Amino acid sequence: MKTNHKWRESSYERLLFMDATHNHSNASGSQVEYLFKPISFYCVARQAKSVEIVGDFNHGQPLAMQRSVNGWWFIQLQLCPGYHHYRFIVDGKPQLDPYATGVVRDEHNDEASLIVVD
């Protein structure tokens, strides 16, 4: 699929890709799998009509979150271990996650929420 979006992978993503595409063996000779973990994200936006999440894990492409009956929005993603930057898009406006591990600056020097996956 051809797109006009110019995505540049970070050096961290290059290392992850290289690590994930090479065969690894432990002392017994069996393959070691590259493990992804299910990570749940929640956003409180009771009056919102739509909430999406964007981050380095999806190359900035918004993913729609699901609304629950109590006004919380939810999504579960499979993330690899490491540090990940993200933000919620609530009715078209970026919003930080108050429950994030921290706040960092992304490659555009904008604030982003931080999550650490062990």
Protein backbone atom coordinates (compact mmCIF):
# COMPACT_ATOMS: atom_id res chain seq x y z
CA MET A 1 0.00 0.00 0.00
CA LYS A 2 1.44 3.36 -0.98
CA THR A 3 0.98 6.35 1.29
CA ASN A 4 2.19 9.94 1.45
CA HIS A 5 2.97 9.57 5.16
CA LYS A 6 6.74 9.71 5.73
CA TRP A 7 7.48 7.46 8.68
CA ARG A 8 11.01 7.23 10.04
CA GLU A 9 11.81 4.43 12.43
CA SER A 10 13.74 5.37 15.53
CA SER A 11 17.06 3.75 16.36
CA TYR A 12 15.23 1.93 19.18
CA GLU A 13 12.70 0.48 16.69
CA ARG A 14 15.55 -0.53 14.34
CA LEU A 15 17.21 -2.42 17.20
CA LEU A 16 13.92 -4.10 18.12
CA PHE A 17 13.32 -5.14 14.53
CA MET A 18 16.85 -6.50 14.18
CA ASP A 19 16.50 -8.35 17.48
CA ALA A 20 13.10 -9.78 16.55
CA THR A 21 14.19 -11.00 13.12
CA HIS A 22 17.30 -12.88 14.22
CA ASN A 23 17.17 -16.39 15.64
CA HIS A 24 18.19 -16.59 19.28
CA SER A 25 19.20 -19.71 21.12
CA ASN A 26 19.64 -20.27 24.80
CA ALA A 27 22.09 -22.74 26.36
CA SER A 28 19.83 -25.71 25.60
CA GLY A 29 19.62 -24.71 21.92
CA SER A 30 15.87 -23.93 21.87
CA GLN A 31 14.47 -20.78 20.29
CA VAL A 32 13.69 -17.81 22.55
CA GLU A 33 10.49 -16.02 21.47
CA TYR A 34 10.23 -12.27 21.32
CA LEU A 35 7.47 -11.65 23.86
CA PHE A 36 4.72 -9.10 23.53
CA LYS A 37 2.47 -8.32 26.50
CA PRO A 38 -1.18 -7.29 26.58
CA ILE A 39 -1.33 -3.73 27.93
CA SER A 40 -4.64 -2.05 28.76
CA PHE A 41 -5.14 1.68 28.33
CA TYR A 42 -8.03 3.59 29.95
CA CYS A 43 -9.16 7.15 29.36
CA VAL A 44 -11.80 9.00 31.38
CA ALA A 45 -13.80 11.15 28.97
CA ARG A 46 -17.47 10.78 29.88
CA GLN A 47 -18.75 13.45 27.47
CA ALA A 48 -16.50 12.50 24.54
CA LYS A 49 -17.91 11.29 21.26
CA SER A 50 -14.67 9.58 20.24
CA VAL A 51 -11.36 8.67 21.85
CA GLU A 52 -8.33 7.31 20.04
CA ILE A 53 -4.80 6.44 21.07
CA VAL A 54 -1.66 7.29 19.10
CA GLY A 55 1.87 6.32 19.96
CA ASP A 56 5.22 5.09 18.82
CA PHE A 57 3.84 1.55 18.92
CA ASN A 58 1.41 2.31 16.07
CA HIS A 59 3.55 4.87 14.20
CA GLY A 60 1.18 7.71 15.07
CA GLN A 61 -1.83 6.13 13.37
CA PRO A 62 -4.91 6.63 15.60
CA LEU A 63 -6.59 3.52 16.99
CA ALA A 64 -10.21 3.85 18.14
CA MET A 65 -10.87 3.05 21.80
CA GLN A 66 -14.10 1.43 22.98
CA ARG A 67 -16.50 3.27 25.26
CA SER A 68 -17.77 1.54 28.39
CA VAL A 69 -21.13 2.25 30.04
CA ASN A 70 -19.52 4.35 32.79
CA GLY A 71 -17.82 6.78 30.36
CA TRP A 72 -14.36 5.22 30.46
CA TRP A 73 -12.70 4.40 27.15
CA PHE A 74 -10.62 1.25 26.77
CA ILE A 75 -8.20 -0.53 24.44
CA GLN A 76 -5.83 -3.43 24.92
CA LEU A 77 -2.68 -3.57 22.78
CA GLN A 78 0.16 -6.07 22.45
CA LEU A 79 3.38 -4.18 23.22
CA CYS A 80 6.97 -5.31 23.27
CA PRO A 81 9.11 -4.64 26.35
CA GLY A 82 10.57 -1.14 26.55
CA TYR A 83 9.56 2.50 26.80
CA HIS A 84 6.59 3.71 24.76
CA HIS A 85 5.28 7.25 24.12
CA TYR A 86 1.58 7.85 23.50
CA ARG A 87 -1.32 10.26 23.91
CA PHE A 88 -5.08 10.08 23.74
CA ILE A 89 -7.03 12.01 21.09
CA VAL A 90 -10.31 13.06 22.69
CA ASP A 91 -12.77 14.50 20.17
CA GLY A 92 -9.82 15.51 17.98
CA LYS A 93 -7.73 17.10 20.76
CA PRO A 94 -4.54 15.53 22.19
CA GLN A 95 -4.65 14.67 25.88
CA LEU A 96 -2.04 13.20 28.21
CA ASP A 97 -2.79 10.17 30.36
CA PRO A 98 -2.88 11.25 34.04
CA TYR A 99 -2.19 7.61 35.03
CA ALA A 100 0.93 7.25 32.84
CA THR A 101 4.34 6.35 34.24
CA GLY A 102 5.55 9.81 33.29
CA VAL A 103 5.59 12.59 30.71
CA VAL A 104 8.28 12.88 28.02
CA ARG A 105 8.98 14.87 24.87
CA ASP A 106 8.47 13.08 21.56
CA GLU A 107 10.47 13.54 18.33
CA HIS A 108 8.46 16.74 17.59
CA ASN A 109 9.20 18.11 21.09
CA ASP A 110 5.52 17.69 22.06
CA GLU A 111 4.58 16.25 25.44
CA ALA A 112 3.60 12.59 25.44
CA SER A 113 2.63 10.07 28.09
CA LEU A 114 5.14 7.35 28.92
CA ILE A 115 4.54 3.70 29.70
CA VAL A 116 7.21 1.14 30.58
CA VAL A 117 6.58 -2.47 29.61
CA ASP A 118 8.69 -5.03 31.47
